[in-house]
Amino acid sequence: MLQYILDMINELGLWGLFISLAVEASSVPFPGGLVTLTFGYILNLTFLEVLLYGFLGGAVYSLFSLIPYGVGYKLEDKLKQKMNKKKVEKAQRWFKEFGVWTIAFARPLGIGNYISYIAGISKVGVWKFQSLTLLGILPWTIGMLWLGSVGNLKSVKKFMEDFQLYILLLLIITGAVYWFYRRHKKRASYYQSEPT
């Protein structure tokens, strides 16, 4: 796989970076992070080039993330028909109130692309979605290009895989703690409101 990516980058150059980020943003399973990392490694970019290509790559990613966002936007009505309409609306309200920042925070993780569907289903405004997507992907793209340009490719790839795992575990633990907190709070309020 690594040799294929190296050959593709050598052949396509900068367009290979943009194409890989566009494919990944479209939520097609593709190792866009590895391509970005490898691109920085092969071209031995200056810091100014890292910033420029990182920004351009982030803009391409943000633009193509509108594909899953649009699919999610269209799926809302079908979800309401197939599921409990009130539960879907409650989930939409929760995402708009508390979860909208996951659009930015989840981008470096493997689940980041799928947040676009949820944002579309929840009818997050397009400009807000695009801004948060760019905010989340820009440091990741710049970081991957920079790490590739200064490091040993295999050790950096291992570091990034470990980093994603730890962040994902942290999100799962945070979600579980929040769920238990809400559940405990509901039970406490139920027992307080129960007549004695």
C-alpha atoms as a PDB file:
ATOM      1  CA  MET A   1       0.000   0.000   0.000  1.00  0.00           C
ATOM      2  CA  LEU A   2       2.800   2.405   0.919  1.00  0.00           C
ATOM      3  CA  GLN A   3       4.581   1.855  -2.408  1.00  0.00           C
ATOM      4  CA  TYR A   4       1.340   2.494  -4.304  1.00  0.00           C
ATOM      5  CA  ILE A   5       0.885   5.791  -2.435  1.00  0.00           C
ATOM      6  CA  LEU A   6       4.500   6.785  -3.111  1.00  0.00           C
ATOM      7  CA  ASP A   7       4.083   6.078  -6.836  1.00  0.00           C
ATOM      8  CA  MET A   8       0.790   7.995  -6.965  1.00  0.00           C
ATOM      9  CA  ILE A   9       2.303  11.048  -5.273  1.00  0.00           C
ATOM     10  CA  ASN A  10       5.311  11.021  -7.592  1.00  0.00           C
ATOM     11  CA  GLU A  11       3.024  10.788 -10.612  1.00  0.00           C
ATOM     12  CA  LEU A  12       0.274  13.221  -9.629  1.00  0.00           C
ATOM     13  CA  GLY A  13       2.182  15.626  -7.379  1.00  0.00           C
ATOM     14  CA  LEU A  14       0.104  18.272  -5.664  1.00  0.00           C
ATOM     15  CA  TRP A  15      -3.041  17.107  -7.473  1.00  0.00           C
ATOM     16  CA  GLY A  16      -2.607  13.709  -5.803  1.00  0.00           C
ATOM     17  CA  LEU A  17      -2.820  15.381  -2.410  1.00  0.00           C
ATOM     18  CA  PHE A  18      -5.962  17.278  -3.352  1.00  0.00           C
ATOM     19  CA  ILE A  19      -7.606  14.243  -4.958  1.00  0.00           C
ATOM     20  CA  SER A  20      -6.889  12.071  -1.899  1.00  0.00           C
ATOM     21  CA  LEU A  21      -8.329  14.698   0.460  1.00  0.00           C
ATOM     22  CA  ALA A  22     -11.400  15.086  -1.775  1.00  0.00           C
ATOM     23  CA  VAL A  23     -11.977  11.316  -1.807  1.00  0.00           C
ATOM     24  CA  GLU A  24     -11.563  11.059   1.962  1.00  0.00           C
ATOM     25  CA  ALA A  25     -13.873  14.033   2.618  1.00  0.00           C
ATOM     26  CA  SER A  26     -16.514  12.382   0.443  1.00  0.00           C
ATOM     27  CA  SER A  27     -16.508   9.631   3.120  1.00  0.00           C
ATOM     28  CA  VAL A  28     -15.141   6.996   0.786  1.00  0.00           C
ATOM     29  CA  PRO A  29     -12.815   4.753   2.822  1.00  0.00           C
ATOM     30  CA  PHE A  30      -9.395   6.003   1.769  1.00  0.00           C
ATOM     31  CA  PRO A  31      -6.158   6.647   3.683  1.00  0.00           C
ATOM     32  CA  GLY A  32      -6.054  10.403   2.997  1.00  0.00           C
ATOM     33  CA  GLY A  33      -4.028  10.974   6.151  1.00  0.00           C
ATOM     34  CA  LEU A  34      -1.331   8.608   4.998  1.00  0.00           C
ATOM     35  CA  VAL A  35      -1.219  10.282   1.588  1.00  0.00           C
ATOM     36  CA  THR A  36      -0.905  13.709   3.233  1.00  0.00           C
ATOM     37  CA  LEU A  37       1.852  12.450   5.501  1.00  0.00           C
ATOM     38  CA  THR A  38       3.669  10.805   2.596  1.00  0.00           C
ATOM     39  CA  PHE A  39       3.307  13.897   0.453  1.00  0.00           C
ATOM     40  CA  GLY A  40       5.088  15.969   3.103  1.00  0.00           C
ATOM     41  CA  TYR A  41       7.772  13.296   3.411  1.00  0.00           C
ATOM     42  CA  ILE A  42       8.543  12.954  -0.297  1.00  0.00           C
ATOM     43  CA  LEU A  43       8.630  16.640  -1.188  1.00  0.00           C
ATOM     44  CA  ASN A  44      10.521  17.778   1.930  1.00  0.00           C
ATOM     45  CA  LEU A  45       8.416  20.937   2.119  1.00  0.00           C
ATOM     46  CA  THR A  46       9.469  24.248   3.608  1.00  0.00           C
ATOM     47  CA  PHE A  47       7.345  25.563   6.458  1.00  0.00           C
ATOM     48  CA  LEU A  48       5.725  28.136   4.157  1.00  0.00           C
ATOM     49  CA  GLU A  49       4.827  25.382   1.658  1.00  0.00           C
ATOM     50  CA  VAL A  50       3.416  23.279   4.498  1.00  0.00           C
ATOM     51  CA  LEU A  51       1.128  26.172   5.478  1.00  0.00           C
ATOM     52  CA  LEU A  52       0.106  26.939   1.890  1.00  0.00           C
ATOM     53  CA  TYR A  53      -0.562  23.317   0.873  1.00  0.00           C
ATOM     54  CA  GLY A  54      -2.212  22.647   4.234  1.00  0.00           C
ATOM     55  CA  PHE A  55      -4.627  25.521   3.723  1.00  0.00           C
ATOM     56  CA  LEU A  56      -5.381  24.544   0.109  1.00  0.00           C
ATOM     57  CA  GLY A  57      -5.838  20.899   1.120  1.00  0.00           C
ATOM     58  CA  GLY A  58      -8.108  21.925   3.996  1.00  0.00           C
ATOM     59  CA  ALA A  59     -10.223  24.009   1.608  1.00  0.00           C
ATOM     60  CA  VAL A  60     -10.536  21.063  -0.813  1.00  0.00           C
ATOM     61  CA  TYR A  61     -11.482  18.745   2.064  1.00  0.00           C
ATOM     62  CA  SER A  62     -14.089  21.218   3.350  1.00  0.00           C
ATOM     63  CA  LEU A  63     -15.613  21.636  -0.079  1.00  0.00           C
ATOM     64  CA  PHE A  64     -15.932  17.888  -0.721  1.00  0.00           C
ATOM     65  CA  SER A  65     -17.317  17.244   2.773  1.00  0.00           C
ATOM     66  CA  LEU A  66     -20.492  18.848   1.424  1.00  0.00           C
ATOM     67  CA  ILE A  67     -21.230  15.544  -0.359  1.00  0.00           C
ATOM     68  CA  PRO A  68     -21.986  13.513   2.813  1.00  0.00           C
ATOM     69  CA  TYR A  69     -23.499  16.636   4.386  1.00  0.00           C
ATOM     70  CA  GLY A  70     -25.936  16.883   1.447  1.00  0.00           C
ATOM     71  CA  VAL A  71     -26.776  13.179   1.668  1.00  0.00           C
ATOM     72  CA  GLY A  72     -27.520  13.596   5.381  1.00  0.00           C
ATOM     73  CA  TYR A  73     -29.599  16.694   4.678  1.00  0.00           C
ATOM     74  CA  LYS A  74     -31.758  14.700   2.251  1.00  0.00           C
ATOM     75  CA  LEU A  75     -32.026  11.719   4.641  1.00  0.00           C
ATOM     76  CA  GLU A  76     -33.722  13.671   7.429  1.00  0.00           C
ATOM     77  CA  ASP A  77     -37.249  13.177   6.089  1.00  0.00           C
ATOM     78  CA  LYS A  78     -36.685   9.453   5.486  1.00  0.00           C
ATOM     79  CA  LEU A  79     -35.351   9.045   9.040  1.00  0.00           C
ATOM     80  CA  LYS A  80     -38.425  10.748  10.456  1.00  0.00           C
ATOM     81  CA  GLN A  81     -40.637   8.376   8.437  1.00  0.00           C
ATOM     82  CA  LYS A  82     -38.785   5.231   9.521  1.00  0.00           C
ATOM     83  CA  MET A  83     -38.028   6.196  13.133  1.00  0.00           C
ATOM     84  CA  ASN A  84     -39.838   7.994  15.890  1.00  0.00           C
ATOM     85  CA  LYS A  85     -40.104  11.596  14.640  1.00  0.00           C
ATOM     86  CA  LYS A  86     -39.806  13.057  18.143  1.00  0.00           C
ATOM     87  CA  LYS A  87     -36.626  11.098  18.868  1.00  0.00           C
ATOM     88  CA  VAL A  88     -35.050  12.264  15.603  1.00  0.00           C
ATOM     89  CA  GLU A  89     -35.976  15.877  16.406  1.00  0.00           C
ATOM     90  CA  LYS A  90     -34.607  15.505  19.943  1.00  0.00           C
ATOM     91  CA  ALA A  91     -31.317  14.141  18.563  1.00  0.00           C
ATOM     92  CA  GLN A  92     -31.177  17.030  16.080  1.00  0.00           C
ATOM     93  CA  ARG A  93     -31.693  19.591  18.857  1.00  0.00           C
ATOM     94  CA  TRP A  94     -29.048  17.912  21.016  1.00  0.00           C
ATOM     95  CA  PHE A  95     -26.526  17.901  18.159  1.00  0.00           C
ATOM     96  CA  LYS A  96     -27.179  21.554  17.347  1.00  0.00           C
ATOM     97  CA  GLU A  97     -26.832  22.536  21.006  1.00  0.00           C
ATOM     98  CA  PHE A  98     -23.988  20.313  22.217  1.00  0.00           C
ATOM     99  CA  GLY A  99     -22.581  18.325  19.335  1.00  0.00           C
ATOM    100  CA  VAL A 100     -21.914  20.937  16.670  1.00  0.00           C
ATOM    101  CA  TRP A 101     -18.277  21.286  17.797  1.00  0.00           C
ATOM    102  CA  THR A 102     -17.723  17.606  17.027  1.00  0.00           C
ATOM    103  CA  ILE A 103     -17.720  18.708  13.388  1.00  0.00           C
ATOM    104  CA  ALA A 104     -14.325  20.284  14.095  1.00  0.00           C
ATOM    105  CA  PHE A 105     -12.998  17.992  16.838  1.00  0.00           C
ATOM    106  CA  ALA A 106     -13.746  14.706  15.062  1.00  0.00           C
ATOM    107  CA  ARG A 107     -11.960  15.590  11.818  1.00  0.00           C
ATOM    108  CA  PRO A 108      -8.575  14.102  12.817  1.00  0.00           C
ATOM    109  CA  LEU A 109     -10.296  10.867  13.803  1.00  0.00           C
ATOM    110  CA  GLY A 110     -11.537   8.105  11.576  1.00  0.00           C
ATOM    111  CA  ILE A 111     -15.138   9.067  12.404  1.00  0.00           C
ATOM    112  CA  GLY A 112     -14.703  12.663  11.303  1.00  0.00           C
ATOM    113  CA  ASN A 113     -16.056  12.062   7.818  1.00  0.00           C
ATOM    114  CA  TYR A 114     -19.266  10.520   9.138  1.00  0.00           C
ATOM    115  CA  ILE A 115     -20.022  13.561  11.296  1.00  0.00           C
ATOM    116  CA  SER A 116     -20.849  15.297   8.005  1.00  0.00           C
ATOM    117  CA  TYR A 117     -23.916  13.051   7.645  1.00  0.00           C
ATOM    118  CA  ILE A 118     -25.067  13.876  11.172  1.00  0.00           C
ATOM    119  CA  ALA A 119     -24.551  17.604  10.568  1.00  0.00           C
ATOM    120  CA  GLY A 120     -26.674  17.360   7.417  1.00  0.00           C
ATOM    121  CA  ILE A 121     -29.419  15.389   9.159  1.00  0.00           C
ATOM    122  CA  SER A 122     -29.391  17.966  11.969  1.00  0.00           C
ATOM    123  CA  LYS A 123     -29.701  20.824   9.460  1.00  0.00           C
ATOM    124  CA  VAL A 124     -26.594  22.630  10.711  1.00  0.00           C
ATOM    125  CA  GLY A 125     -26.178  25.742   8.563  1.00  0.00           C
ATOM    126  CA  VAL A 126     -23.892  25.272   5.557  1.00  0.00           C
ATOM    127  CA  TRP A 127     -21.546  28.134   6.487  1.00  0.00           C
ATOM    128  CA  LYS A 128     -21.281  26.970  10.078  1.00  0.00           C
ATOM    129  CA  PHE A 129     -20.610  23.425   8.863  1.00  0.00           C
ATOM    130  CA  GLN A 130     -17.956  24.603   6.398  1.00  0.00           C
ATOM    131  CA  SER A 131     -16.282  26.861   8.975  1.00  0.00           C
ATOM    132  CA  LEU A 132     -16.121  24.128  11.604  1.00  0.00           C
ATOM    133  CA  THR A 133     -14.909  21.583   9.045  1.00  0.00           C
ATOM    134  CA  LEU A 134     -12.107  23.892   7.946  1.00  0.00           C
ATOM    135  CA  LEU A 135     -11.275  24.710  11.560  1.00  0.00           C
ATOM    136  CA  GLY A 136     -10.948  21.004  12.346  1.00  0.00           C
ATOM    137  CA  ILE A 137      -9.149  19.832   9.216  1.00  0.00           C
ATOM    138  CA  LEU A 138      -6.682  22.711   8.835  1.00  0.00           C
ATOM    139  CA  PRO A 139      -4.453  21.875  11.838  1.00  0.00           C
ATOM    140  CA  TRP A 140      -4.629  18.190  10.935  1.00  0.00           C
ATOM    141  CA  THR A 141      -3.592  18.768   7.302  1.00  0.00           C
ATOM    142  CA  ILE A 142      -0.809  21.187   8.245  1.00  0.00           C
ATOM    143  CA  GLY A 143       0.339  18.839  11.015  1.00  0.00           C
ATOM    144  CA  MET A 144       0.441  15.806   8.732  1.00  0.00           C
ATOM    145  CA  LEU A 145       2.364  17.667   6.029  1.00  0.00           C
ATOM    146  CA  TRP A 146       4.815  19.025   8.600  1.00  0.00           C
ATOM    147  CA  LEU A 147       5.299  15.660  10.340  1.00  0.00           C
ATOM    148  CA  GLY A 148       5.903  14.022   6.984  1.00  0.00           C
ATOM    149  CA  SER A 149       8.466  16.632   5.991  1.00  0.00           C
ATOM    150  CA  VAL A 150      10.506  16.313   9.202  1.00  0.00           C
ATOM    151  CA  GLY A 151      10.156  12.692  10.201  1.00  0.00           C
ATOM    152  CA  ASN A 152      10.643   9.049   9.538  1.00  0.00           C
ATOM    153  CA  LEU A 153       7.474   8.002   7.713  1.00  0.00           C
ATOM    154  CA  LYS A 154       6.900   4.704   9.532  1.00  0.00           C
ATOM    155  CA  SER A 155       7.397   6.130  13.027  1.00  0.00           C
ATOM    156  CA  VAL A 156       5.143   9.105  12.264  1.00  0.00           C
ATOM    157  CA  LYS A 157       2.439   6.795  10.866  1.00  0.00           C
ATOM    158  CA  LYS A 158       2.613   4.681  14.045  1.00  0.00           C
ATOM    159  CA  PHE A 159       2.373   7.820  16.194  1.00  0.00           C
ATOM    160  CA  MET A 160      -0.707   9.012  14.273  1.00  0.00           C
ATOM    161  CA  GLU A 161      -2.439   5.634  14.580  1.00  0.00           C
ATOM    162  CA  ASP A 162      -1.791   5.625  18.335  1.00  0.00           C
ATOM    163  CA  PHE A 163      -2.943   9.242  18.621  1.00  0.00           C
ATOM    164  CA  GLN A 164      -6.226   8.456  16.856  1.00  0.00           C
ATOM    165  CA  LEU A 165      -6.801   5.464  19.109  1.00  0.00           C
ATOM    166  CA  TYR A 166      -6.232   7.499  22.289  1.00  0.00           C
ATOM    167  CA  ILE A 167      -8.488  10.329  21.130  1.00  0.00           C
ATOM    168  CA  LEU A 168     -11.214   7.855  20.155  1.00  0.00           C
ATOM    169  CA  LEU A 169     -10.957   6.151  23.558  1.00  0.00           C
ATOM    170  CA  LEU A 170     -11.126   9.543  25.268  1.00  0.00           C
ATOM    171  CA  LEU A 171     -14.285  10.414  23.335  1.00  0.00           C
ATOM    172  CA  ILE A 172     -15.889   7.057  24.188  1.00  0.00           C
ATOM    173  CA  ILE A 173     -15.047   7.451  27.881  1.00  0.00           C
ATOM    174  CA  THR A 174     -16.323  11.047  27.900  1.00  0.00           C
ATOM    175  CA  GLY A 175     -19.543   9.940  26.199  1.00  0.00           C
ATOM    176  CA  ALA A 176     -20.016   7.105  28.692  1.00  0.00           C
ATOM    177  CA  VAL A 177     -19.419   9.398  31.669  1.00  0.00           C
ATOM    178  CA  TYR A 178     -21.882  11.912  30.261  1.00  0.00           C
ATOM    179  CA  TRP A 179     -24.470   9.175  29.650  1.00  0.00           C
ATOM    180  CA  PHE A 180     -24.112   7.863  33.226  1.00  0.00           C
ATOM    181  CA  TYR A 181     -24.314  11.397  34.603  1.00  0.00           C
ATOM    182  CA  ARG A 182     -27.537  12.103  32.688  1.00  0.00           C
ATOM    183  CA  ARG A 183     -29.002   8.784  33.707  1.00  0.00           C
ATOM    184  CA  HIS A 184     -28.158   9.387  37.372  1.00  0.00           C
ATOM    185  CA  LYS A 185     -29.562  12.917  37.176  1.00  0.00           C
ATOM    186  CA  LYS A 186     -32.847  11.643  35.702  1.00  0.00           C
ATOM    187  CA  ARG A 187     -33.171   8.981  38.388  1.00  0.00           C
ATOM    188  CA  ALA A 188     -32.445  11.486  41.135  1.00  0.00           C
ATOM    189  CA  SER A 189     -35.073  13.903  39.806  1.00  0.00           C
ATOM    190  CA  TYR A 190     -37.576  11.022  39.447  1.00  0.00           C
ATOM    191  CA  TYR A 191     -37.140   9.996  43.085  1.00  0.00           C
ATOM    192  CA  GLN A 192     -37.330  13.615  44.278  1.00  0.00           C
ATOM    193  CA  SER A 193     -40.591  14.229  42.390  1.00  0.00           C
ATOM    194  CA  GLU A 194     -42.190  10.958  43.513  1.00  0.00           C
ATOM    195  CA  PRO A 195     -44.874  11.546  46.218  1.00  0.00           C
ATOM    196  CA  THR A 196     -44.106  10.059  49.619  1.00  0.00           C
END
